[in-house]
Structures are given as structure tokens and as C-alpha cells.
Amino acid sequence: INVGVALPIAFKMRAKTRYQRWVTTILVIPITLGTVLIAEGLLTYLGPKGWLSQFLQYFHLYDAPIRLTHNYWGVLLSLIISGFPFAFLLILSYITGIDPVLARAASTLGADSRSQFRHIYLPLLAPGLAMCFCLSFVQAFSVFPSAVLLGSPAGPTRVISIAAYEAAFEVYDYSLASAIAMIMGFVQLVIVAAVLGLRGVFYRGPVTGGKG
């Protein structure tokens, strides 16, 4: 989700403007907060008695308390808030590194913006997008604080890291906890290796278009 949403937004903001600088500066803040602080903030803001629920009830926009915590949606929002800025800034750095002369040359030959993106930007971005996906995927494995604080550890948001924690610190079965951790690491390596292996299908060469 983070990579898919960040790509079109970063593509629209590839020109260096004051607006771009403000957005990039603001998006650095969630990266510095960490998953635990973000989860605690969302509990205060999105909880049944949080600011958002009180605001909606005060203006009679929604009468019942909203349920965005201790379920799947709370964990998802936490992952988006913590992961989207990282994916956006990384993709934006790749896009701004592509020489805009390539797109202007294509436009003189009759290529519209969609064709420019498909035949110029996307092939050049493929290695960077693959790397961004891999880093975002590995980052998502740190969902443990969000799954515990914002989700339902015994319900729909029970992730494999919770099973490893329970095996190590509740059952004290360190062999089982180590086995679960090895499975997590193996899954990450397989997915990352597959994505990095497929990136050569689109383009073989440097990540950017040779600007600078």
C-alpha cells in the first residue's frame, strides 16, 4: 500500500518547489517518532473516547464511538503512518534523480505523460521501486508494537512476532521462539530475493537516468 500510494504522489511532486520542501520536511517527523510513539498517539486520537470520536459526536456527524483501535484498522493505519513517509521520500529521491531531459525529448516525439511514465520513468524506477518494496516489506515486520497496542493480539491482528514473544517470555520455550524467528527471517530473505531477482525484467542498468 505504501509503495503503491507513494509512487503517483512522488511522481506528481518530482519538480523541486517550495511545496515539495514543506511536504518532505513534514513527512520526516513520523519517521523520527517510531512505531511505539505512533501507536500511543493513535490510541489517544482514534480511540472510542479519543479526539476524533469526540469531535464527530460533538458536531453530530457520527453518534456512536468509532472503532478504529484494537482491531485490524488500527494496525493498518499505524503501518501506513510509519511506513508511507519512508517509501515516499525514497521514491522521490529516485524520481528526482532521473534526468528530465529524457521526458522532454519524448514529448517532442509525441509521447504524452502516460507514455513518458510507462516507457521512461517506470523502467528507470524499477530497481529503486524494488529496493523500496524490499525495505518497506522488512520494515512491516516490526509491526509487533502496533499489533499489541492497537490491535487484538489474540484475534485478527495476531502476527508471527507475537507468537515468538509468547514462546520466549511466557512459555519460556526458547527453542520454539528461535524457530519462529528463523521462519520470519527465511520468509523475508525469500521475498527480498524474489523481488530483487525480478527487477531485472524491467531494466538492467543504474537506478537513475544518469542525472549529474
N, C-alpha and C. Protein backbone atom coordinates (compact mmCIF):
# COMPACT_ATOMS: atom_id res chain seq x y z
N ILE A 1 0.83 -1.20 0.00
CA ILE A 1 0.00 0.00 0.00
C ILE A 1 0.87 1.25 0.00
N ASN A 2 1.88 1.27 0.87
CA ASN A 2 2.72 2.46 0.98
C ASN A 2 3.44 2.77 -0.32
N VAL A 3 4.01 1.76 -0.95
CA VAL A 3 4.74 1.97 -2.20
C VAL A 3 3.77 2.36 -3.31
N GLY A 4 2.62 1.69 -3.38
CA GLY A 4 1.65 2.00 -4.43
C GLY A 4 1.08 3.40 -4.33
N VAL A 5 0.86 3.88 -3.12
CA VAL A 5 0.34 5.24 -2.94
C VAL A 5 1.44 6.27 -3.10
N ALA A 6 2.63 5.95 -2.64
CA ALA A 6 3.74 6.92 -2.69
C ALA A 6 4.21 7.18 -4.11
N LEU A 7 4.12 6.19 -4.99
CA LEU A 7 4.64 6.35 -6.35
C LEU A 7 3.94 7.46 -7.13
N PRO A 8 2.60 7.47 -7.27
CA PRO A 8 1.98 8.56 -8.04
C PRO A 8 2.13 9.92 -7.38
N ILE A 9 2.13 9.96 -6.04
CA ILE A 9 2.29 11.25 -5.37
C ILE A 9 3.69 11.80 -5.59
N ALA A 10 4.69 10.94 -5.46
CA ALA A 10 6.06 11.38 -5.68
C ALA A 10 6.28 11.79 -7.14
N PHE A 11 5.61 11.10 -8.06
CA PHE A 11 5.75 11.45 -9.48
C PHE A 11 5.17 12.84 -9.74
N LYS A 12 4.05 13.17 -9.10
CA LYS A 12 3.45 14.50 -9.27
C LYS A 12 4.30 15.59 -8.63
N MET A 13 5.06 15.24 -7.60
CA MET A 13 5.84 16.23 -6.87
C MET A 13 7.32 16.18 -7.22
N ARG A 14 7.65 15.65 -8.39
CA ARG A 14 9.06 15.49 -8.75
C ARG A 14 9.76 16.82 -9.00
N ALA A 15 9.02 17.87 -9.34
CA ALA A 15 9.63 19.18 -9.56
C ALA A 15 9.99 19.81 -8.22
N LYS A 16 11.19 20.38 -8.14
CA LYS A 16 11.66 20.97 -6.90
C LYS A 16 11.01 22.34 -6.69
N THR A 17 10.07 22.40 -5.78
CA THR A 17 9.37 23.63 -5.46
C THR A 17 9.35 23.82 -3.94
N ARG A 18 8.87 24.97 -3.52
CA ARG A 18 8.74 25.21 -2.08
C ARG A 18 7.74 24.25 -1.46
N TYR A 19 6.69 23.92 -2.21
CA TYR A 19 5.69 22.97 -1.71
C TYR A 19 6.31 21.61 -1.45
N GLN A 20 7.20 21.17 -2.35
CA GLN A 20 7.86 19.89 -2.16
C GLN A 20 8.73 19.90 -0.91
N ARG A 21 9.43 20.99 -0.67
CA ARG A 21 10.29 21.07 0.51
C ARG A 21 9.48 21.01 1.80
N TRP A 22 8.33 21.69 1.81
CA TRP A 22 7.48 21.65 3.00
C TRP A 22 6.95 20.24 3.27
N VAL A 23 6.51 19.57 2.21
CA VAL A 23 5.95 18.22 2.37
C VAL A 23 7.02 17.24 2.86
N THR A 24 8.20 17.30 2.26
CA THR A 24 9.26 16.38 2.68
C THR A 24 9.69 16.65 4.12
N THR A 25 9.69 17.91 4.52
CA THR A 25 10.05 18.23 5.90
C THR A 25 9.02 17.68 6.89
N ILE A 26 7.74 17.83 6.55
CA ILE A 26 6.68 17.33 7.43
C ILE A 26 6.71 15.80 7.53
N LEU A 27 7.00 15.13 6.41
CA LEU A 27 6.98 13.67 6.40
C LEU A 27 8.17 13.05 7.12
N VAL A 28 9.18 13.84 7.41
CA VAL A 28 10.30 13.32 8.18
C VAL A 28 9.89 13.06 9.63
N ILE A 29 8.90 13.81 10.13
CA ILE A 29 8.51 13.71 11.54
C ILE A 29 8.04 12.31 11.92
N PRO A 30 7.11 11.66 11.17
CA PRO A 30 6.69 10.31 11.58
C PRO A 30 7.84 9.30 11.60
N ILE A 31 8.84 9.49 10.75
CA ILE A 31 9.96 8.56 10.73
C ILE A 31 10.74 8.64 12.03
N THR A 32 10.86 9.85 12.59
CA THR A 32 11.63 10.03 13.82
C THR A 32 10.88 9.58 15.07
N LEU A 33 9.57 9.43 14.99
CA LEU A 33 8.79 9.10 16.18
C LEU A 33 8.92 7.65 16.59
N GLY A 34 8.92 6.73 15.63
CA GLY A 34 8.97 5.32 15.97
C GLY A 34 7.57 4.73 16.10
N THR A 35 7.51 3.40 16.01
CA THR A 35 6.21 2.71 15.99
C THR A 35 5.49 2.79 17.33
N VAL A 36 6.23 2.75 18.43
CA VAL A 36 5.58 2.76 19.75
C VAL A 36 4.91 4.10 20.00
N LEU A 37 5.61 5.19 19.73
CA LEU A 37 5.04 6.51 19.96
C LEU A 37 3.86 6.78 19.03
N ILE A 38 3.96 6.31 17.78
CA ILE A 38 2.84 6.47 16.85
C ILE A 38 1.62 5.69 17.34
N ALA A 39 1.85 4.47 17.82
CA ALA A 39 0.74 3.66 18.33
C ALA A 39 0.08 4.32 19.54
N GLU A 40 0.88 4.88 20.44
CA GLU A 40 0.32 5.56 21.61
C GLU A 40 -0.48 6.79 21.18
N GLY A 41 0.04 7.52 20.20
CA GLY A 41 -0.69 8.69 19.71
C GLY A 41 -2.01 8.32 19.06
N LEU A 42 -2.01 7.24 18.30
CA LEU A 42 -3.25 6.80 17.66
C LEU A 42 -4.28 6.32 18.68
N LEU A 43 -3.81 5.73 19.77
CA LEU A 43 -4.74 5.34 20.83
C LEU A 43 -5.46 6.56 21.41
N THR A 44 -4.71 7.65 21.56
CA THR A 44 -5.31 8.87 22.10
C THR A 44 -6.23 9.54 21.09
N TYR A 45 -5.87 9.46 19.82
CA TYR A 45 -6.62 10.19 18.80
C TYR A 45 -7.78 9.38 18.23
N LEU A 46 -7.58 8.08 18.01
CA LEU A 46 -8.58 7.27 17.32
C LEU A 46 -9.38 6.37 18.24
N GLY A 47 -9.09 6.38 19.53
CA GLY A 47 -9.81 5.51 20.45
C GLY A 47 -11.28 5.87 20.57
N PRO A 48 -12.10 5.02 21.21
CA PRO A 48 -13.53 5.30 21.38
C PRO A 48 -13.80 6.63 22.09
N LYS A 49 -12.89 7.04 22.96
CA LYS A 49 -13.01 8.33 23.66
C LYS A 49 -11.92 9.30 23.21
N GLY A 50 -11.38 9.06 22.03
CA GLY A 50 -10.31 9.90 21.52
C GLY A 50 -10.81 11.20 20.92
N TRP A 51 -9.85 11.99 20.46
CA TRP A 51 -10.19 13.31 19.91
C TRP A 51 -11.11 13.21 18.70
N LEU A 52 -10.83 12.26 17.81
CA LEU A 52 -11.63 12.15 16.59
C LEU A 52 -13.07 11.77 16.92
N SER A 53 -13.25 10.81 17.80
CA SER A 53 -14.59 10.37 18.17
C SER A 53 -15.36 11.49 18.86
N GLN A 54 -14.69 12.22 19.77
CA GLN A 54 -15.35 13.33 20.45
C GLN A 54 -15.71 14.45 19.48
N PHE A 55 -14.84 14.70 18.51
CA PHE A 55 -15.11 15.74 17.52
C PHE A 55 -16.34 15.39 16.69
N LEU A 56 -16.42 14.14 16.21
CA LEU A 56 -17.55 13.72 15.39
C LEU A 56 -18.85 13.73 16.18
N GLN A 57 -18.79 13.33 17.44
CA GLN A 57 -20.00 13.32 18.26
C GLN A 57 -20.43 14.74 18.64
N TYR A 58 -19.48 15.62 18.86
CA TYR A 58 -19.81 16.99 19.25
C TYR A 58 -20.57 17.70 18.14
N PHE A 59 -20.16 17.48 16.89
CA PHE A 59 -20.83 18.11 15.76
C PHE A 59 -21.92 17.22 15.17
N HIS A 60 -22.25 16.13 15.87
CA HIS A 60 -23.33 15.21 15.46
C HIS A 60 -23.11 14.67 14.05
N LEU A 61 -21.85 14.43 13.72
CA LEU A 61 -21.53 13.81 12.44
C LEU A 61 -21.59 12.29 12.53
N TYR A 62 -21.34 11.78 13.72
CA TYR A 62 -21.40 10.33 13.94
C TYR A 62 -21.72 10.13 15.42
N ASP A 63 -22.83 9.51 15.72
CA ASP A 63 -23.31 9.44 17.10
C ASP A 63 -22.56 8.42 17.95
N ALA A 64 -22.33 7.23 17.42
CA ALA A 64 -21.67 6.18 18.20
C ALA A 64 -20.16 6.37 18.18
N PRO A 65 -19.46 5.90 19.21
CA PRO A 65 -18.00 5.97 19.20
C PRO A 65 -17.42 5.15 18.04
N ILE A 66 -16.44 5.70 17.36
CA ILE A 66 -15.83 4.98 16.25
C ILE A 66 -14.89 3.91 16.78
N ARG A 67 -14.76 2.84 16.01
CA ARG A 67 -13.92 1.71 16.41
C ARG A 67 -12.76 1.58 15.44
N LEU A 68 -11.70 2.31 15.72
CA LEU A 68 -10.51 2.25 14.87
C LEU A 68 -9.28 1.76 15.62
N THR A 69 -9.48 1.30 16.84
CA THR A 69 -8.38 0.74 17.63
C THR A 69 -8.77 -0.65 18.12
N HIS A 70 -7.74 -1.40 18.50
CA HIS A 70 -7.91 -2.78 18.97
C HIS A 70 -8.59 -3.64 17.90
N ASN A 71 -8.25 -3.36 16.66
CA ASN A 71 -8.73 -4.16 15.53
C ASN A 71 -7.74 -4.03 14.37
N TYR A 72 -8.12 -4.59 13.24
CA TYR A 72 -7.24 -4.60 12.07
C TYR A 72 -6.94 -3.19 11.57
N TRP A 73 -7.94 -2.31 11.59
CA TRP A 73 -7.78 -0.98 11.00
C TRP A 73 -6.79 -0.13 11.79
N GLY A 74 -6.75 -0.28 13.08
CA GLY A 74 -5.79 0.48 13.86
C GLY A 74 -4.36 0.11 13.52
N VAL A 75 -4.11 -1.19 13.36
CA VAL A 75 -2.76 -1.63 12.99
C VAL A 75 -2.41 -1.17 11.58
N LEU A 76 -3.37 -1.24 10.67
CA LEU A 76 -3.11 -0.81 9.30
C LEU A 76 -2.78 0.67 9.24
N LEU A 77 -3.54 1.50 9.95
CA LEU A 77 -3.26 2.94 9.97
C LEU A 77 -1.90 3.23 10.56
N SER A 78 -1.52 2.49 11.58
CA SER A 78 -0.21 2.69 12.18
C SER A 78 0.91 2.35 11.20
N LEU A 79 0.75 1.27 10.46
CA LEU A 79 1.77 0.89 9.47
C LEU A 79 1.85 1.91 8.34
N ILE A 80 0.71 2.46 7.94
CA ILE A 80 0.72 3.46 6.87
C ILE A 80 1.39 4.74 7.34
N ILE A 81 1.06 5.19 8.55
CA ILE A 81 1.64 6.43 9.06
C ILE A 81 3.14 6.30 9.24
N SER A 82 3.60 5.16 9.70
CA SER A 82 5.04 4.98 9.93
C SER A 82 5.79 4.59 8.66
N GLY A 83 5.13 3.93 7.71
CA GLY A 83 5.82 3.43 6.53
C GLY A 83 5.70 4.30 5.30
N PHE A 84 4.59 5.04 5.15
CA PHE A 84 4.41 5.85 3.95
C PHE A 84 5.48 6.94 3.80
N PRO A 85 5.82 7.71 4.85
CA PRO A 85 6.86 8.73 4.65
C PRO A 85 8.18 8.15 4.17
N PHE A 86 8.55 7.00 4.71
CA PHE A 86 9.80 6.36 4.29
C PHE A 86 9.75 5.99 2.81
N ALA A 87 8.65 5.36 2.39
CA ALA A 87 8.52 4.96 0.99
C ALA A 87 8.46 6.17 0.08
N PHE A 88 7.72 7.20 0.49
CA PHE A 88 7.58 8.39 -0.34
C PHE A 88 8.91 9.10 -0.54
N LEU A 89 9.64 9.34 0.53
CA LEU A 89 10.91 10.05 0.43
C LEU A 89 11.92 9.26 -0.38
N LEU A 90 11.90 7.94 -0.25
CA LEU A 90 12.84 7.12 -1.01
C LEU A 90 12.51 7.15 -2.50
N ILE A 91 11.24 7.00 -2.84
CA ILE A 91 10.84 7.04 -4.25
C ILE A 91 11.06 8.42 -4.83
N LEU A 92 10.79 9.46 -4.06
CA LEU A 92 11.01 10.82 -4.54
C LEU A 92 12.47 11.06 -4.86
N SER A 93 13.36 10.51 -4.06
CA SER A 93 14.79 10.68 -4.35
C SER A 93 15.18 9.98 -5.65
N TYR A 94 14.56 8.85 -5.94
CA TYR A 94 14.83 8.16 -7.20
C TYR A 94 14.28 8.94 -8.39
N ILE A 95 13.05 9.46 -8.26
CA ILE A 95 12.43 10.17 -9.37
C ILE A 95 13.17 11.45 -9.69
N THR A 96 13.55 12.20 -8.67
CA THR A 96 14.27 13.45 -8.92
C THR A 96 15.67 13.20 -9.47
N GLY A 97 16.16 11.98 -9.36
CA GLY A 97 17.46 11.66 -9.93
C GLY A 97 17.42 11.32 -11.41
N ILE A 98 16.22 11.17 -11.97
CA ILE A 98 16.08 10.89 -13.39
C ILE A 98 16.14 12.20 -14.17
N ASP A 99 16.96 12.25 -15.17
CA ASP A 99 17.16 13.47 -15.95
C ASP A 99 15.85 13.85 -16.64
N PRO A 100 15.28 15.02 -16.38
CA PRO A 100 14.03 15.42 -17.03
C PRO A 100 14.17 15.64 -18.53
N VAL A 101 15.40 15.74 -19.02
CA VAL A 101 15.62 15.91 -20.46
C VAL A 101 15.07 14.70 -21.21
N LEU A 102 15.11 13.53 -20.60
CA LEU A 102 14.60 12.33 -21.26
C LEU A 102 13.10 12.46 -21.53
N ALA A 103 12.36 12.96 -20.55
CA ALA A 103 10.92 13.14 -20.74
C ALA A 103 10.62 14.23 -21.75
N ARG A 104 11.40 15.31 -21.72
CA ARG A 104 11.17 16.39 -22.68
C ARG A 104 11.48 15.92 -24.10
N ALA A 105 12.49 15.10 -24.25
CA ALA A 105 12.81 14.56 -25.58
C ALA A 105 11.68 13.66 -26.07
N ALA A 106 11.11 12.88 -25.16
CA ALA A 106 10.00 12.01 -25.56
C ALA A 106 8.76 12.83 -25.92
N SER A 107 8.54 13.94 -25.22
CA SER A 107 7.37 14.77 -25.53
C SER A 107 7.49 15.40 -26.91
N THR A 108 8.70 15.71 -27.34
CA THR A 108 8.88 16.27 -28.69
C THR A 108 8.55 15.24 -29.77
N LEU A 109 8.59 13.97 -29.40
CA LEU A 109 8.24 12.90 -30.34
C LEU A 109 6.78 12.49 -30.23
N GLY A 110 6.01 13.24 -29.45
CA GLY A 110 4.57 12.98 -29.36
C GLY A 110 4.14 12.13 -28.20
N ALA A 111 5.03 11.83 -27.25
CA ALA A 111 4.66 10.99 -26.11
C ALA A 111 3.92 11.83 -25.06
N ASP A 112 2.75 11.35 -24.64
CA ASP A 112 2.03 12.05 -23.58
C ASP A 112 2.60 11.66 -22.22
N SER A 113 2.04 12.23 -21.16
CA SER A 113 2.58 11.99 -19.82
C SER A 113 2.47 10.53 -19.41
N ARG A 114 1.40 9.85 -19.84
CA ARG A 114 1.26 8.44 -19.51
C ARG A 114 2.31 7.60 -20.21
N SER A 115 2.57 7.89 -21.47
CA SER A 115 3.61 7.15 -22.20
C SER A 115 4.99 7.44 -21.63
N GLN A 116 5.23 8.68 -21.22
CA GLN A 116 6.52 9.01 -20.61
C GLN A 116 6.73 8.22 -19.33
N PHE A 117 5.69 8.12 -18.52
CA PHE A 117 5.82 7.38 -17.27
C PHE A 117 6.06 5.90 -17.55
N ARG A 118 5.32 5.35 -18.52
CA ARG A 118 5.41 3.91 -18.77
C ARG A 118 6.72 3.51 -19.41
N HIS A 119 7.21 4.31 -20.36
CA HIS A 119 8.38 3.89 -21.15
C HIS A 119 9.69 4.53 -20.69
N ILE A 120 9.62 5.56 -19.86
CA ILE A 120 10.86 6.22 -19.41
C ILE A 120 11.02 6.09 -17.90
N TYR A 121 10.07 6.65 -17.17
CA TYR A 121 10.23 6.69 -15.72
C TYR A 121 10.13 5.31 -15.07
N LEU A 122 9.13 4.53 -15.47
CA LEU A 122 8.93 3.24 -14.82
C LEU A 122 10.10 2.29 -15.01
N PRO A 123 10.65 2.13 -16.23
CA PRO A 123 11.83 1.26 -16.36
C PRO A 123 13.02 1.74 -15.54
N LEU A 124 13.24 3.07 -15.52
CA LEU A 124 14.36 3.59 -14.75
C LEU A 124 14.11 3.50 -13.24
N LEU A 125 12.83 3.52 -12.86
CA LEU A 125 12.49 3.43 -11.44
C LEU A 125 12.41 2.00 -10.93
N ALA A 126 12.38 1.02 -11.83
CA ALA A 126 12.17 -0.37 -11.42
C ALA A 126 13.16 -0.84 -10.36
N PRO A 127 14.47 -0.62 -10.52
CA PRO A 127 15.39 -1.04 -9.45
C PRO A 127 15.12 -0.33 -8.14
N GLY A 128 14.85 0.97 -8.21
CA GLY A 128 14.56 1.72 -6.99
C GLY A 128 13.26 1.29 -6.33
N LEU A 129 12.23 1.01 -7.14
CA LEU A 129 10.96 0.54 -6.58
C LEU A 129 11.12 -0.83 -5.94
N ALA A 130 11.92 -1.68 -6.56
CA ALA A 130 12.17 -2.99 -5.97
C ALA A 130 12.86 -2.87 -4.62
N MET A 131 13.86 -1.99 -4.56
CA MET A 131 14.55 -1.79 -3.29
C MET A 131 13.62 -1.17 -2.25
N CYS A 132 12.80 -0.21 -2.67
CA CYS A 132 11.85 0.42 -1.75
C CYS A 132 10.84 -0.59 -1.23
N PHE A 133 10.36 -1.47 -2.10
CA PHE A 133 9.42 -2.50 -1.67
C PHE A 133 10.07 -3.43 -0.66
N CYS A 134 11.31 -3.82 -0.92
CA CYS A 134 12.00 -4.73 0.00
C CYS A 134 12.19 -4.10 1.37
N LEU A 135 12.61 -2.84 1.39
CA LEU A 135 12.82 -2.16 2.67
C LEU A 135 11.49 -1.95 3.41
N SER A 136 10.43 -1.61 2.66
CA SER A 136 9.12 -1.44 3.30
C SER A 136 8.59 -2.77 3.82
N PHE A 137 8.85 -3.84 3.07
CA PHE A 137 8.40 -5.17 3.49
C PHE A 137 9.10 -5.59 4.78
N VAL A 138 10.41 -5.39 4.83
CA VAL A 138 11.15 -5.73 6.05
C VAL A 138 10.72 -4.84 7.21
N GLN A 139 10.48 -3.57 6.91
CA GLN A 139 10.03 -2.64 7.95
C GLN A 139 8.68 -3.07 8.53
N ALA A 140 7.82 -3.65 7.70
CA ALA A 140 6.50 -4.07 8.17
C ALA A 140 6.58 -5.21 9.19
N PHE A 141 7.71 -5.92 9.22
CA PHE A 141 7.86 -6.98 10.21
C PHE A 141 8.04 -6.44 11.63
N SER A 142 8.24 -5.13 11.75
CA SER A 142 8.32 -4.52 13.08
C SER A 142 6.94 -4.09 13.56
N VAL A 143 5.93 -4.83 13.15
CA VAL A 143 4.53 -4.50 13.48
C VAL A 143 4.18 -4.89 14.91
N PHE A 144 5.08 -5.56 15.61
CA PHE A 144 4.77 -6.08 16.94
C PHE A 144 4.19 -5.02 17.89
N PRO A 145 4.82 -3.84 18.06
CA PRO A 145 4.23 -2.84 18.98
C PRO A 145 2.83 -2.41 18.56
N SER A 146 2.63 -2.21 17.26
CA SER A 146 1.31 -1.79 16.77
C SER A 146 0.28 -2.89 16.96
N ALA A 147 0.68 -4.14 16.70
CA ALA A 147 -0.26 -5.25 16.84
C ALA A 147 -0.69 -5.45 18.29
N VAL A 148 0.20 -5.15 19.23
CA VAL A 148 -0.13 -5.31 20.65
C VAL A 148 -0.93 -4.12 21.17
N LEU A 149 -0.50 -2.90 20.83
CA LEU A 149 -1.13 -1.70 21.39
C LEU A 149 -2.42 -1.33 20.67
N LEU A 150 -2.43 -1.47 19.35
CA LEU A 150 -3.58 -1.02 18.56
C LEU A 150 -4.46 -2.15 18.07
N GLY A 151 -3.95 -3.36 18.11
CA GLY A 151 -4.69 -4.47 17.54
C GLY A 151 -5.29 -5.38 18.60
N SER A 152 -5.59 -6.57 18.16
CA SER A 152 -6.13 -7.61 19.04
C SER A 152 -5.18 -8.80 18.97
N PRO A 153 -4.21 -8.89 19.89
CA PRO A 153 -3.17 -9.92 19.78
C PRO A 153 -3.70 -11.34 19.74
N ALA A 154 -4.85 -11.57 20.33
CA ALA A 154 -5.43 -12.91 20.32
C ALA A 154 -6.45 -13.10 19.20
N GLY A 155 -6.64 -12.06 18.38
CA GLY A 155 -7.65 -12.11 17.33
C GLY A 155 -7.08 -11.90 15.95
N PRO A 156 -7.70 -11.01 15.18
CA PRO A 156 -7.33 -10.86 13.77
C PRO A 156 -5.95 -10.26 13.54
N THR A 157 -5.37 -9.60 14.53
CA THR A 157 -4.05 -9.00 14.33
C THR A 157 -2.95 -9.81 15.03
N ARG A 158 -3.18 -11.06 15.23
CA ARG A 158 -2.15 -11.92 15.81
C ARG A 158 -1.12 -12.24 14.73
N VAL A 159 0.05 -11.69 14.85
CA VAL A 159 1.11 -11.87 13.86
C VAL A 159 2.15 -12.83 14.42
N ILE A 160 3.06 -13.25 13.55
CA ILE A 160 4.02 -14.28 13.94
C ILE A 160 4.99 -13.78 15.00
N SER A 161 5.25 -12.47 15.02
CA SER A 161 6.15 -11.95 16.05
C SER A 161 5.54 -12.07 17.44
N ILE A 162 4.22 -12.00 17.54
CA ILE A 162 3.56 -12.20 18.84
C ILE A 162 3.74 -13.64 19.30
N ALA A 163 3.66 -14.58 18.37
CA ALA A 163 3.89 -15.98 18.72
C ALA A 163 5.31 -16.20 19.22
N ALA A 164 6.28 -15.52 18.60
CA ALA A 164 7.67 -15.64 19.04
C ALA A 164 7.84 -15.05 20.44
N TYR A 165 7.21 -13.91 20.69
CA TYR A 165 7.30 -13.28 22.01
C TYR A 165 6.69 -14.17 23.09
N GLU A 166 5.51 -14.72 22.81
CA GLU A 166 4.86 -15.58 23.80
C GLU A 166 5.68 -16.83 24.08
N ALA A 167 6.27 -17.39 23.03
CA ALA A 167 7.08 -18.59 23.23
C ALA A 167 8.31 -18.30 24.08
N ALA A 168 8.89 -17.11 23.91
CA ALA A 168 10.13 -16.79 24.62
C ALA A 168 9.89 -16.29 26.04
N PHE A 169 8.87 -15.45 26.24
CA PHE A 169 8.73 -14.76 27.52
C PHE A 169 7.51 -15.18 28.34
N GLU A 170 6.65 -16.02 27.78
CA GLU A 170 5.51 -16.53 28.55
C GLU A 170 5.63 -18.04 28.78
N VAL A 171 5.98 -18.76 27.73
CA VAL A 171 6.14 -20.21 27.86
C VAL A 171 7.58 -20.57 28.20
N TYR A 172 8.51 -19.65 27.91
CA TYR A 172 9.95 -19.87 28.11
C TYR A 172 10.46 -21.05 27.29
N ASP A 173 9.88 -21.21 26.13
CA ASP A 173 10.35 -22.22 25.18
C ASP A 173 11.23 -21.51 24.16
N TYR A 174 12.51 -21.37 24.50
CA TYR A 174 13.40 -20.60 23.66
C TYR A 174 13.69 -21.29 22.33
N SER A 175 13.61 -22.60 22.31
CA SER A 175 13.81 -23.32 21.05
C SER A 175 12.69 -22.99 20.06
N LEU A 176 11.46 -22.98 20.54
CA LEU A 176 10.33 -22.64 19.67
C LEU A 176 10.43 -21.19 19.23
N ALA A 177 10.79 -20.29 20.15
CA ALA A 177 10.92 -18.88 19.79
C ALA A 177 12.01 -18.68 18.74
N SER A 178 13.11 -19.39 18.88
CA SER A 178 14.19 -19.29 17.89
C SER A 178 13.74 -19.84 16.54
N ALA A 179 12.96 -20.92 16.57
CA ALA A 179 12.47 -21.49 15.31
C ALA A 179 11.52 -20.52 14.61
N ILE A 180 10.66 -19.87 15.37
CA ILE A 180 9.75 -18.89 14.78
C ILE A 180 10.52 -17.71 14.20
N ALA A 181 11.55 -17.26 14.92
CA ALA A 181 12.37 -16.16 14.42
C ALA A 181 13.10 -16.56 13.14
N MET A 182 13.56 -17.80 13.07
CA MET A 182 14.22 -18.27 11.86
C MET A 182 13.25 -18.32 10.69
N ILE A 183 12.01 -18.71 10.95
CA ILE A 183 11.00 -18.72 9.89
C ILE A 183 10.74 -17.31 9.39
N MET A 184 10.64 -16.35 10.31
CA MET A 184 10.45 -14.96 9.91
C MET A 184 11.60 -14.48 9.03
N GLY A 185 12.82 -14.78 9.46
CA GLY A 185 13.98 -14.37 8.66
C GLY A 185 14.01 -15.04 7.30
N PHE A 186 13.63 -16.32 7.26
CA PHE A 186 13.63 -17.05 5.99
C PHE A 186 12.61 -16.47 5.02
N VAL A 187 11.42 -16.16 5.53
CA VAL A 187 10.38 -15.56 4.67
C VAL A 187 10.85 -14.23 4.11
N GLN A 188 11.48 -13.42 4.94
CA GLN A 188 11.99 -12.14 4.47
C GLN A 188 13.03 -12.32 3.38
N LEU A 189 13.96 -13.25 3.59
CA LEU A 189 15.00 -13.47 2.60
C LEU A 189 14.42 -13.97 1.28
N VAL A 190 13.43 -14.85 1.34
CA VAL A 190 12.83 -15.39 0.11
C VAL A 190 12.12 -14.28 -0.67
N ILE A 191 11.32 -13.47 0.01
CA ILE A 191 10.59 -12.40 -0.66
C ILE A 191 11.55 -11.37 -1.24
N VAL A 192 12.55 -10.97 -0.46
CA VAL A 192 13.51 -9.97 -0.93
C VAL A 192 14.30 -10.50 -2.12
N ALA A 193 14.73 -11.76 -2.06
CA ALA A 193 15.48 -12.34 -3.17
C ALA A 193 14.62 -12.43 -4.42
N ALA A 194 13.34 -12.77 -4.27
CA ALA A 194 12.45 -12.87 -5.42
C ALA A 194 12.23 -11.51 -6.07
N VAL A 195 12.02 -10.48 -5.26
CA VAL A 195 11.79 -9.14 -5.80
C VAL A 195 13.03 -8.61 -6.49
N LEU A 196 14.19 -8.78 -5.86
CA LEU A 196 15.43 -8.30 -6.47
C LEU A 196 15.76 -9.09 -7.73
N GLY A 197 15.34 -10.35 -7.78
CA GLY A 197 15.57 -11.13 -8.99
C GLY A 197 14.67 -10.71 -10.14
N LEU A 198 13.46 -10.26 -9.83
CA LEU A 198 12.51 -9.86 -10.86
C LEU A 198 12.73 -8.44 -11.37
N ARG A 199 13.48 -7.64 -10.65
CA ARG A 199 13.65 -6.24 -11.07
C ARG A 199 14.40 -6.14 -12.39
N GLY A 200 15.23 -7.14 -12.71
CA GLY A 200 15.96 -7.11 -13.97
C GLY A 200 15.08 -7.32 -15.19
N VAL A 201 13.82 -7.74 -14.97
CA VAL A 201 12.91 -7.93 -16.11
C VAL A 201 12.59 -6.59 -16.76
N PHE A 202 12.51 -5.52 -15.97
CA PHE A 202 12.15 -4.21 -16.50
C PHE A 202 13.34 -3.44 -17.04
N TYR A 203 14.46 -3.52 -16.34
CA TYR A 203 15.58 -2.65 -16.72
C TYR A 203 16.87 -3.20 -16.12
N ARG A 204 17.93 -3.15 -16.91
CA ARG A 204 19.26 -3.53 -16.43
C ARG A 204 20.18 -2.33 -16.58
N GLY A 205 20.63 -1.81 -15.47
CA GLY A 205 21.49 -0.64 -15.50
C GLY A 205 21.39 0.12 -14.21
N PRO A 206 21.82 1.39 -14.19
CA PRO A 206 21.76 2.18 -12.97
C PRO A 206 20.33 2.50 -12.58
N VAL A 207 20.15 2.85 -11.31
CA VAL A 207 18.81 3.13 -10.81
C VAL A 207 18.24 4.39 -11.44
N THR A 208 19.05 5.44 -11.56
CA THR A 208 18.58 6.71 -12.09
C THR A 208 18.93 6.83 -13.55
N GLY A 209 18.54 7.96 -14.12
CA GLY A 209 18.75 8.17 -15.54
C GLY A 209 20.04 8.86 -15.88
N GLY A 210 20.97 8.88 -14.96
CA GLY A 210 22.27 9.44 -15.26
C GLY A 210 22.37 10.92 -15.02
N LYS A 211 21.44 11.50 -14.29
CA LYS A 211 21.48 12.93 -14.00
C LYS A 211 22.65 13.23 -13.07
N GLY A 212 23.41 14.23 -13.38
CA GLY A 212 24.54 14.60 -12.55
C GLY A 212 25.74 13.73 -12.81
